[in-house]
Amino acid sequence: MIFQKSKYIGLILTVSFLTLGFILMSGGGSSDPNVFNEEIFSFRRITLAPLIIVGSYIALIWLILKKSPN
């Protein structure tokens, strides 16, 4: 194995948080182009999802660069 078991678990968790962030950011479109949907600018899409994504990328980089205790 290239990494230890704990690194693989951390990588799986960070990738799942990345996926969650992109899922939270999606949607909110309108089927009618003449109608504006205010849900596009909700707290979930503008603040929460980008924070989850940026935090996940930071955690992912930290996990990859962290030295093994060996």
C-alpha atoms as a PDB file:
ATOM      1  CA  MET A   1       0.000   0.000   0.000  1.00  0.00           C
ATOM      2  CA  ILE A   2       1.185   3.481  -0.786  1.00  0.00           C
ATOM      3  CA  PHE A   3      -0.712   5.071   2.119  1.00  0.00           C
ATOM      4  CA  GLN A   4      -1.825   3.812   5.506  1.00  0.00           C
ATOM      5  CA  LYS A   5      -5.403   2.750   6.177  1.00  0.00           C
ATOM      6  CA  SER A   6      -6.170   5.986   8.049  1.00  0.00           C
ATOM      7  CA  LYS A   7      -5.126   8.053   5.013  1.00  0.00           C
ATOM      8  CA  TYR A   8      -7.454   6.102   2.754  1.00  0.00           C
ATOM      9  CA  ILE A   9     -10.334   6.661   5.172  1.00  0.00           C
ATOM     10  CA  GLY A  10      -9.525  10.385   5.269  1.00  0.00           C
ATOM     11  CA  LEU A  11      -9.335  10.562   1.480  1.00  0.00           C
ATOM     12  CA  ILE A  12     -12.717   8.855   1.144  1.00  0.00           C
ATOM     13  CA  LEU A  13     -14.233  11.261   3.688  1.00  0.00           C
ATOM     14  CA  THR A  14     -12.862  14.366   1.976  1.00  0.00           C
ATOM     15  CA  VAL A  15     -14.020  13.209  -1.450  1.00  0.00           C
ATOM     16  CA  SER A  16     -17.482  12.530  -0.011  1.00  0.00           C
ATOM     17  CA  PHE A  17     -17.546  16.050   1.497  1.00  0.00           C
ATOM     18  CA  LEU A  18     -16.525  17.460  -1.899  1.00  0.00           C
ATOM     19  CA  THR A  19     -19.392  15.576  -3.498  1.00  0.00           C
ATOM     20  CA  LEU A  20     -21.770  16.864  -0.819  1.00  0.00           C
ATOM     21  CA  GLY A  21     -20.643  20.442  -1.459  1.00  0.00           C
ATOM     22  CA  PHE A  22     -21.245  20.179  -5.195  1.00  0.00           C
ATOM     23  CA  ILE A  23     -24.652  18.571  -4.605  1.00  0.00           C
ATOM     24  CA  LEU A  24     -25.610  21.409  -2.238  1.00  0.00           C
ATOM     25  CA  MET A  25     -24.552  23.954  -4.862  1.00  0.00           C
ATOM     26  CA  SER A  26     -26.576  22.403  -7.691  1.00  0.00           C
ATOM     27  CA  GLY A  27     -30.175  23.046  -8.661  1.00  0.00           C
ATOM     28  CA  GLY A  28     -32.323  26.123  -8.289  1.00  0.00           C
ATOM     29  CA  GLY A  29     -32.868  26.709 -11.958  1.00  0.00           C
ATOM     30  CA  SER A  30     -36.198  27.631 -13.451  1.00  0.00           C
ATOM     31  CA  SER A  31     -37.897  25.670 -16.194  1.00  0.00           C
ATOM     32  CA  ASP A  32     -39.325  28.913 -17.592  1.00  0.00           C
ATOM     33  CA  PRO A  33     -36.593  31.333 -18.796  1.00  0.00           C
ATOM     34  CA  ASN A  34     -38.911  34.312 -18.238  1.00  0.00           C
ATOM     35  CA  VAL A  35     -39.280  33.610 -14.498  1.00  0.00           C
ATOM     36  CA  PHE A  36     -36.454  34.475 -12.072  1.00  0.00           C
ATOM     37  CA  ASN A  37     -35.976  32.097  -9.152  1.00  0.00           C
ATOM     38  CA  GLU A  38     -34.636  33.762  -5.978  1.00  0.00           C
ATOM     39  CA  GLU A  39     -33.533  30.365  -4.649  1.00  0.00           C
ATOM     40  CA  ILE A  40     -30.335  30.695  -6.712  1.00  0.00           C
ATOM     41  CA  PHE A  41     -29.000  33.170  -4.127  1.00  0.00           C
ATOM     42  CA  SER A  42     -29.826  31.122  -1.020  1.00  0.00           C
ATOM     43  CA  PHE A  43     -27.432  30.734   1.933  1.00  0.00           C
ATOM     44  CA  ARG A  44     -26.903  27.098   1.045  1.00  0.00           C
ATOM     45  CA  ARG A  45     -25.650  27.825  -2.489  1.00  0.00           C
ATOM     46  CA  ILE A  46     -23.749  31.066  -1.886  1.00  0.00           C
ATOM     47  CA  THR A  47     -22.093  30.412   1.496  1.00  0.00           C
ATOM     48  CA  LEU A  48     -22.416  26.880   2.847  1.00  0.00           C
ATOM     49  CA  ALA A  49     -21.533  24.832  -0.246  1.00  0.00           C
ATOM     50  CA  PRO A  50     -18.406  26.849  -1.190  1.00  0.00           C
ATOM     51  CA  LEU A  51     -17.146  26.672   2.413  1.00  0.00           C
ATOM     52  CA  ILE A  52     -17.578  22.891   2.429  1.00  0.00           C
ATOM     53  CA  ILE A  53     -15.778  22.578  -0.916  1.00  0.00           C
ATOM     54  CA  VAL A  54     -12.838  24.817   0.046  1.00  0.00           C
ATOM     55  CA  GLY A  55     -12.506  23.093   3.420  1.00  0.00           C
ATOM     56  CA  SER A  56     -12.533  19.706   1.724  1.00  0.00           C
ATOM     57  CA  TYR A  57      -9.794  20.730  -0.704  1.00  0.00           C
ATOM     58  CA  ILE A  58      -7.657  22.039   2.174  1.00  0.00           C
ATOM     59  CA  ALA A  59      -8.167  18.807   4.131  1.00  0.00           C
ATOM     60  CA  LEU A  60      -7.389  16.750   1.027  1.00  0.00           C
ATOM     61  CA  ILE A  61      -4.106  18.571   0.382  1.00  0.00           C
ATOM     62  CA  TRP A  62      -3.166  18.294   4.063  1.00  0.00           C
ATOM     63  CA  LEU A  63      -3.869  14.539   4.058  1.00  0.00           C
ATOM     64  CA  ILE A  64      -1.766  13.965   0.964  1.00  0.00           C
ATOM     65  CA  LEU A  65       1.199  16.029   2.181  1.00  0.00           C
ATOM     66  CA  LYS A  66       1.158  14.785   5.805  1.00  0.00           C
ATOM     67  CA  LYS A  67       4.141  12.584   6.632  1.00  0.00           C
ATOM     68  CA  SER A  68       3.658   9.058   7.886  1.00  0.00           C
ATOM     69  CA  PRO A  69       4.806   8.340  11.450  1.00  0.00           C
ATOM     70  CA  ASN A  70       7.186   5.625  10.168  1.00  0.00           C
END
